[in-house]
């Protein structure tokens, strides 16, 4: 899902989807892990975000689906 950061960048990919290169400006793995734990414990949808520079990456996970959105 997330690769180890290399030179300030990390890759994100879901099976069968494109690979996204996220800028490692924040502590992406721990922020995403906290969101996922909270969402799974409460059974509420959750969204994690990252930056593709200059675009913004959003991944929303619900009980049945996962949506990837790239905003420019």
PDB file of N, CA and C in Angstrom:
ATOM      1  N   UNK A   1       0.829  -1.179   0.000  1.00  0.00           N
ATOM      2  CA  UNK A   1       0.000   0.000   0.000  1.00  0.00           C
ATOM      3  C   UNK A   1       0.883   1.255   0.000  1.00  0.00           C
ATOM      4  N   UNK A   2       1.692   1.471   1.015  1.00  0.00           N
ATOM      5  CA  UNK A   2       2.650   2.582   1.067  1.00  0.00           C
ATOM      6  C   UNK A   2       4.058   2.015   1.072  1.00  0.00           C
ATOM      7  N   UNK A   3       4.932   2.620   0.277  1.00  0.00           N
ATOM      8  CA  UNK A   3       6.326   2.187   0.282  1.00  0.00           C
ATOM      9  C   UNK A   3       7.115   3.002   1.300  1.00  0.00           C
ATOM     10  N   UNK A   4       8.287   2.517   1.630  1.00  0.00           N
ATOM     11  CA  UNK A   4       9.181   3.278   2.504  1.00  0.00           C
ATOM     12  C   UNK A   4       9.580   4.562   1.780  1.00  0.00           C
ATOM     13  N   UNK A   5       9.666   5.679   2.501  1.00  0.00           N
ATOM     14  CA  UNK A   5      10.010   6.943   1.843  1.00  0.00           C
ATOM     15  C   UNK A   5      11.440   6.939   1.304  1.00  0.00           C
ATOM     16  N   UNK A   6      11.597   7.496   0.102  1.00  0.00           N
ATOM     17  CA  UNK A   6      12.904   7.634  -0.535  1.00  0.00           C
ATOM     18  C   UNK A   6      13.026   9.072  -1.025  1.00  0.00           C
ATOM     19  N   UNK A   7      14.001   9.796  -0.490  1.00  0.00           N
ATOM     20  CA  UNK A   7      14.255  11.186  -0.889  1.00  0.00           C
ATOM     21  C   UNK A   7      13.009  12.065  -0.766  1.00  0.00           C
ATOM     22  N   UNK A   8      12.227  11.848   0.271  1.00  0.00           N
ATOM     23  CA  UNK A   8      11.071  12.698   0.519  1.00  0.00           C
ATOM     24  C   UNK A   8       9.796  12.291  -0.204  1.00  0.00           C
ATOM     25  N   UNK A   9       9.762  11.125  -0.825  1.00  0.00           N
ATOM     26  CA  UNK A   9       8.585  10.667  -1.552  1.00  0.00           C
ATOM     27  C   UNK A   9       8.238   9.252  -1.127  1.00  0.00           C
ATOM     28  N   UNK A  10       6.934   8.943  -1.130  1.00  0.00           N
ATOM     29  CA  UNK A  10       6.469   7.592  -0.864  1.00  0.00           C
ATOM     30  C   UNK A  10       5.440   7.233  -1.924  1.00  0.00           C
ATOM     31  N   UNK A  11       5.348   5.976  -2.297  1.00  0.00           N
ATOM     32  CA  UNK A  11       4.390   5.527  -3.305  1.00  0.00           C
ATOM     33  C   UNK A  11       3.191   4.881  -2.619  1.00  0.00           C
ATOM     34  N   UNK A  12       2.006   5.150  -3.177  1.00  0.00           N
ATOM     35  CA  UNK A  12       0.767   4.541  -2.700  1.00  0.00           C
ATOM     36  C   UNK A  12       0.119   3.820  -3.869  1.00  0.00           C
ATOM     37  N   UNK A  13      -0.321   2.576  -3.634  1.00  0.00           N
ATOM     38  CA  UNK A  13      -1.009   1.839  -4.683  1.00  0.00           C
ATOM     39  C   UNK A  13      -1.932   0.803  -4.055  1.00  0.00           C
ATOM     40  N   UNK A  14      -3.157   0.756  -4.563  1.00  0.00           N
ATOM     41  CA  UNK A  14      -4.095  -0.300  -4.209  1.00  0.00           C
ATOM     42  C   UNK A  14      -4.020  -1.352  -5.311  1.00  0.00           C
ATOM     43  N   UNK A  15      -4.303  -2.611  -5.006  1.00  0.00           N
ATOM     44  CA  UNK A  15      -4.258  -3.645  -6.037  1.00  0.00           C
ATOM     45  C   UNK A  15      -5.169  -3.279  -7.217  1.00  0.00           C
ATOM     46  N   UNK A  16      -4.616  -3.353  -8.416  1.00  0.00           N
ATOM     47  CA  UNK A  16      -5.386  -3.083  -9.621  1.00  0.00           C
ATOM     48  C   UNK A  16      -5.574  -1.608  -9.949  1.00  0.00           C
ATOM     49  N   UNK A  17      -4.854  -0.700  -9.254  1.00  0.00           N
ATOM     50  CA  UNK A  17      -4.990   0.729  -9.532  1.00  0.00           C
ATOM     51  C   UNK A  17      -3.637   1.325  -9.892  1.00  0.00           C
ATOM     52  N   UNK A  18      -3.667   2.595 -10.230  1.00  0.00           N
ATOM     53  CA  UNK A  18      -2.441   3.318 -10.557  1.00  0.00           C
ATOM     54  C   UNK A  18      -1.579   3.515  -9.313  1.00  0.00           C
ATOM     55  N   UNK A  19      -0.316   3.838  -9.557  1.00  0.00           N
ATOM     56  CA  UNK A  19       0.600   4.168  -8.465  1.00  0.00           C
ATOM     57  C   UNK A  19       0.659   5.685  -8.346  1.00  0.00           C
ATOM     58  N   UNK A  20       0.581   6.186  -7.124  1.00  0.00           N
ATOM     59  CA  UNK A  20       0.614   7.614  -6.855  1.00  0.00           C
ATOM     60  C   UNK A  20       1.861   7.933  -6.037  1.00  0.00           C
ATOM     61  N   UNK A  21       2.649   8.943  -6.484  1.00  0.00           N
ATOM     62  CA  UNK A  21       3.844   9.368  -5.748  1.00  0.00           C
ATOM     63  C   UNK A  21       3.477  10.533  -4.851  1.00  0.00           C
ATOM     64  N   UNK A  22       3.472  10.269  -3.552  1.00  0.00           N
ATOM     65  CA  UNK A  22       3.075  11.269  -2.574  1.00  0.00           C
ATOM     66  C   UNK A  22       4.289  11.975  -1.995  1.00  0.00           C
ATOM     67  N   UNK A  23       4.173  13.269  -1.854  1.00  0.00           N
ATOM     68  CA  UNK A  23       5.213  14.054  -1.212  1.00  0.00           C
ATOM     69  C   UNK A  23       5.178  13.749   0.274  1.00  0.00           C
ATOM     70  N   UNK A  24       6.320  13.518   0.845  1.00  0.00           N
ATOM     71  CA  UNK A  24       6.408  13.110   2.245  1.00  0.00           C
ATOM     72  C   UNK A  24       6.630  14.331   3.125  1.00  0.00           C
ATOM     73  N   UNK A  25       5.690  15.317   3.033  1.00  0.00           N
ATOM     74  CA  UNK A  25       5.817  16.537   3.817  1.00  0.00           C
ATOM     75  C   UNK A  25       5.382  16.344   5.260  1.00  0.00           C
ATOM     76  N   UNK A  26       4.541  15.341   5.487  1.00  0.00           N
ATOM     77  CA  UNK A  26       4.058  15.043   6.834  1.00  0.00           C
ATOM     78  C   UNK A  26       4.344  13.582   7.139  1.00  0.00           C
ATOM     79  N   UNK A  27       3.955  13.156   8.310  1.00  0.00           N
ATOM     80  CA  UNK A  27       4.167  11.767   8.714  1.00  0.00           C
ATOM     81  C   UNK A  27       3.014  10.909   8.190  1.00  0.00           C
ATOM     82  N   UNK A  28       2.972  10.728   6.864  1.00  0.00           N
ATOM     83  CA  UNK A  28       1.854  10.068   6.195  1.00  0.00           C
ATOM     84  C   UNK A  28       1.500   8.711   6.800  1.00  0.00           C
ATOM     85  N   UNK A  29       2.439   7.759   6.978  1.00  0.00           N
ATOM     86  CA  UNK A  29       2.032   6.443   7.480  1.00  0.00           C
ATOM     87  C   UNK A  29       1.338   6.486   8.833  1.00  0.00           C
ATOM     88  N   UNK A  30       1.826   7.280   9.773  1.00  0.00           N
ATOM     89  CA  UNK A  30       1.199   7.307  11.095  1.00  0.00           C
ATOM     90  C   UNK A  30      -0.139   8.042  11.069  1.00  0.00           C
ATOM     91  N   UNK A  31      -0.240   9.123  10.300  1.00  0.00           N
ATOM     92  CA  UNK A  31      -1.517   9.825  10.178  1.00  0.00           C
ATOM     93  C   UNK A  31      -2.564   8.906   9.549  1.00  0.00           C
ATOM     94  N   UNK A  32      -2.183   8.193   8.502  1.00  0.00           N
ATOM     95  CA  UNK A  32      -3.115   7.289   7.834  1.00  0.00           C
ATOM     96  C   UNK A  32      -3.490   6.127   8.745  1.00  0.00           C
ATOM     97  N   UNK A  33      -2.538   5.613   9.489  1.00  0.00           N
ATOM     98  CA  UNK A  33      -2.816   4.504  10.396  1.00  0.00           C
ATOM     99  C   UNK A  33      -3.798   4.925  11.484  1.00  0.00           C
ATOM    100  N   UNK A  34      -3.612   6.112  12.052  1.00  0.00           N
ATOM    101  CA  UNK A  34      -4.549   6.618  13.060  1.00  0.00           C
ATOM    102  C   UNK A  34      -5.956   6.743  12.497  1.00  0.00           C
ATOM    103  N   UNK A  35      -6.083   7.286  11.275  1.00  0.00           N
ATOM    104  CA  UNK A  35      -7.398   7.424  10.643  1.00  0.00           C
ATOM    105  C   UNK A  35      -8.033   6.054  10.398  1.00  0.00           C
ATOM    106  N   UNK A  36      -7.244   5.103   9.914  1.00  0.00           N
ATOM    107  CA  UNK A  36      -7.766   3.771   9.616  1.00  0.00           C
ATOM    108  C   UNK A  36      -8.224   3.056  10.885  1.00  0.00           C
ATOM    109  N   UNK A  37      -7.452   3.136  11.942  1.00  0.00           N
ATOM    110  CA  UNK A  37      -7.836   2.491  13.201  1.00  0.00           C
ATOM    111  C   UNK A  37      -9.139   3.079  13.713  1.00  0.00           C
ATOM    112  N   UNK A  38      -9.238   4.399  13.720  1.00  0.00           N
ATOM    113  CA  UNK A  38     -10.472   5.045  14.193  1.00  0.00           C
ATOM    114  C   UNK A  38     -11.669   4.643  13.323  1.00  0.00           C
ATOM    115  N   UNK A  39     -11.496   4.662  12.012  1.00  0.00           N
ATOM    116  CA  UNK A  39     -12.592   4.308  11.113  1.00  0.00           C
ATOM    117  C   UNK A  39     -13.026   2.863  11.262  1.00  0.00           C
ATOM    118  N   UNK A  40     -12.073   1.960  11.393  1.00  0.00           N
ATOM    119  CA  UNK A  40     -12.410   0.545  11.520  1.00  0.00           C
ATOM    120  C   UNK A  40     -13.027   0.228  12.881  1.00  0.00           C
ATOM    121  N   UNK A  41     -12.568   0.886  13.931  1.00  0.00           N
ATOM    122  CA  UNK A  41     -13.151   0.660  15.259  1.00  0.00           C
ATOM    123  C   UNK A  41     -14.582   1.174  15.339  1.00  0.00           C
ATOM    124  N   UNK A  42     -14.839   2.313  14.708  1.00  0.00           N
ATOM    125  CA  UNK A  42     -16.165   2.929  14.792  1.00  0.00           C
ATOM    126  C   UNK A  42     -17.076   2.533  13.636  1.00  0.00           C
ATOM    127  N   UNK A  43     -16.521   1.812  12.641  1.00  0.00           N
ATOM    128  CA  UNK A  43     -17.247   1.419  11.426  1.00  0.00           C
ATOM    129  C   UNK A  43     -17.788   2.617  10.653  1.00  0.00           C
ATOM    130  N   UNK A  44     -17.074   3.738  10.721  1.00  0.00           N
ATOM    131  CA  UNK A  44     -17.417   4.935   9.950  1.00  0.00           C
ATOM    132  C   UNK A  44     -16.430   5.084   8.800  1.00  0.00           C
ATOM    133  N   UNK A  45     -16.890   5.634   7.669  1.00  0.00           N
ATOM    134  CA  UNK A  45     -15.951   5.920   6.575  1.00  0.00           C
ATOM    135  C   UNK A  45     -14.870   6.889   7.044  1.00  0.00           C
ATOM    136  N   UNK A  46     -13.703   6.766   6.449  1.00  0.00           N
ATOM    137  CA  UNK A  46     -12.611   7.689   6.787  1.00  0.00           C
ATOM    138  C   UNK A  46     -11.874   8.081   5.514  1.00  0.00           C
ATOM    139  N   UNK A  47     -11.224   9.223   5.560  1.00  0.00           N
ATOM    140  CA  UNK A  47     -10.470   9.737   4.425  1.00  0.00           C
ATOM    141  C   UNK A  47      -9.044  10.030   4.854  1.00  0.00           C
ATOM    142  N   UNK A  48      -8.107   9.595   4.034  1.00  0.00           N
ATOM    143  CA  UNK A  48      -6.707   9.942   4.235  1.00  0.00           C
ATOM    144  C   UNK A  48      -6.285  10.807   3.060  1.00  0.00           C
ATOM    145  N   UNK A  49      -5.305  11.678   3.292  1.00  0.00           N
ATOM    146  CA  UNK A  49      -4.895  12.589   2.230  1.00  0.00           C
ATOM    147  C   UNK A  49      -3.389  12.659   2.116  1.00  0.00           C
ATOM    148  N   UNK A  50      -2.949  13.087   0.954  1.00  0.00           N
ATOM    149  CA  UNK A  50      -1.538  13.287   0.680  1.00  0.00           C
ATOM    150  C   UNK A  50      -1.398  14.316  -0.417  1.00  0.00           C
ATOM    151  N   UNK A  51      -0.179  14.665  -0.736  1.00  0.00           N
ATOM    152  CA  UNK A  51       0.068  15.672  -1.758  1.00  0.00           C
ATOM    153  C   UNK A  51       0.932  15.095  -2.868  1.00  0.00           C
ATOM    154  N   UNK A  52       0.497  15.309  -4.099  1.00  0.00           N
ATOM    155  CA  UNK A  52       1.215  14.845  -5.274  1.00  0.00           C
ATOM    156  C   UNK A  52       2.077  15.952  -5.859  1.00  0.00           C
ATOM    157  N   UNK A  53       1.976  17.121  -5.306  1.00  0.00           N
ATOM    158  CA  UNK A  53       2.706  18.318  -5.732  1.00  0.00           C
ATOM    159  C   UNK A  53       2.585  18.549  -7.233  1.00  0.00           C
ATOM    160  N   UNK A  54       1.666  19.326  -7.688  1.00  0.00           N
ATOM    161  CA  UNK A  54       0.885  20.290  -6.928  1.00  0.00           C
ATOM    162  C   UNK A  54      -0.503  19.784  -6.555  1.00  0.00           C
ATOM    163  N   UNK A  55      -0.888  18.585  -6.981  1.00  0.00           N
ATOM    164  CA  UNK A  55      -2.245  18.089  -6.731  1.00  0.00           C
ATOM    165  C   UNK A  55      -2.400  17.540  -5.319  1.00  0.00           C
ATOM    166  N   UNK A  56      -3.661  17.358  -4.930  1.00  0.00           N
ATOM    167  CA  UNK A  56      -3.986  16.793  -3.619  1.00  0.00           C
ATOM    168  C   UNK A  56      -4.624  15.432  -3.839  1.00  0.00           C
ATOM    169  N   UNK A  57      -4.218  14.455  -3.068  1.00  0.00           N
ATOM    170  CA  UNK A  57      -4.680  13.078  -3.171  1.00  0.00           C
ATOM    171  C   UNK A  57      -5.583  12.764  -1.980  1.00  0.00           C
ATOM    172  N   UNK A  58      -6.769  12.212  -2.255  1.00  0.00           N
ATOM    173  CA  UNK A  58      -7.697  11.805  -1.200  1.00  0.00           C
ATOM    174  C   UNK A  58      -8.113  10.355  -1.444  1.00  0.00           C
ATOM    175  N   UNK A  59      -8.121   9.577  -0.401  1.00  0.00           N
ATOM    176  CA  UNK A  59      -8.589   8.190  -0.481  1.00  0.00           C
ATOM    177  C   UNK A  59      -9.629   8.002   0.622  1.00  0.00           C
ATOM    178  N   UNK A  60     -10.877   7.799   0.208  1.00  0.00           N
ATOM    179  CA  UNK A  60     -11.974   7.606   1.159  1.00  0.00           C
ATOM    180  C   UNK A  60     -12.335   6.132   1.200  1.00  0.00           C
ATOM    181  N   UNK A  61     -12.368   5.584   2.407  1.00  0.00           N
ATOM    182  CA  UNK A  61     -12.650   4.169   2.607  1.00  0.00           C
ATOM    183  C   UNK A  61     -13.954   4.048   3.378  1.00  0.00           C
ATOM    184  N   UNK A  62     -14.897   3.272   2.814  1.00  0.00           N
ATOM    185  CA  UNK A  62     -16.157   2.994   3.503  1.00  0.00           C
ATOM    186  C   UNK A  62     -16.252   1.485   3.714  1.00  0.00           C
ATOM    187  N   UNK A  63     -17.351   1.058   4.271  1.00  0.00           N
ATOM    188  CA  UNK A  63     -17.518  -0.369   4.555  1.00  0.00           C
ATOM    189  C   UNK A  63     -17.431  -1.206   3.278  1.00  0.00           C
ATOM    190  N   UNK A  64     -17.998  -0.700   2.175  1.00  0.00           N
ATOM    191  CA  UNK A  64     -18.064  -1.473   0.940  1.00  0.00           C
ATOM    192  C   UNK A  64     -17.086  -1.033  -0.137  1.00  0.00           C
ATOM    193  N   UNK A  65     -16.618   0.218  -0.113  1.00  0.00           N
ATOM    194  CA  UNK A  65     -15.842   0.747  -1.236  1.00  0.00           C
ATOM    195  C   UNK A  65     -14.640   1.566  -0.779  1.00  0.00           C
ATOM    196  N   UNK A  66     -13.779   1.813  -1.747  1.00  0.00           N
ATOM    197  CA  UNK A  66     -12.630   2.693  -1.548  1.00  0.00           C
ATOM    198  C   UNK A  66     -12.578   3.608  -2.776  1.00  0.00           C
ATOM    199  N   UNK A  67     -12.579   4.914  -2.536  1.00  0.00           N
ATOM    200  CA  UNK A  67     -12.585   5.889  -3.619  1.00  0.00           C
ATOM    201  C   UNK A  67     -11.289   6.696  -3.589  1.00  0.00           C
ATOM    202  N   UNK A  68     -10.643   6.818  -4.753  1.00  0.00           N
ATOM    203  CA  UNK A  68      -9.433   7.633  -4.877  1.00  0.00           C
ATOM    204  C   UNK A  68      -9.800   8.853  -5.700  1.00  0.00           C
ATOM    205  N   UNK A  69      -9.450  10.031  -5.185  1.00  0.00           N
ATOM    206  CA  UNK A  69      -9.743  11.285  -5.851  1.00  0.00           C
ATOM    207  C   UNK A  69      -8.477  12.126  -5.879  1.00  0.00           C
ATOM    208  N   UNK A  70      -8.183  12.690  -7.037  1.00  0.00           N
ATOM    209  CA  UNK A  70      -7.038  13.589  -7.178  1.00  0.00           C
ATOM    210  C   UNK A  70      -7.588  14.967  -7.542  1.00  0.00           C
ATOM    211  N   UNK A  71      -7.353  15.934  -6.681  1.00  0.00           N
ATOM    212  CA  UNK A  71      -7.796  17.315  -6.921  1.00  0.00           C
ATOM    213  C   UNK A  71      -6.624  18.125  -7.446  1.00  0.00           C
ATOM    214  N   UNK A  72      -6.891  18.970  -8.458  1.00  0.00           N
ATOM    215  CA  UNK A  72      -5.826  19.843  -8.942  1.00  0.00           C
ATOM    216  C   UNK A  72      -6.066  21.258  -8.519  1.00  0.00           C
TER     217      UNK A  72
END
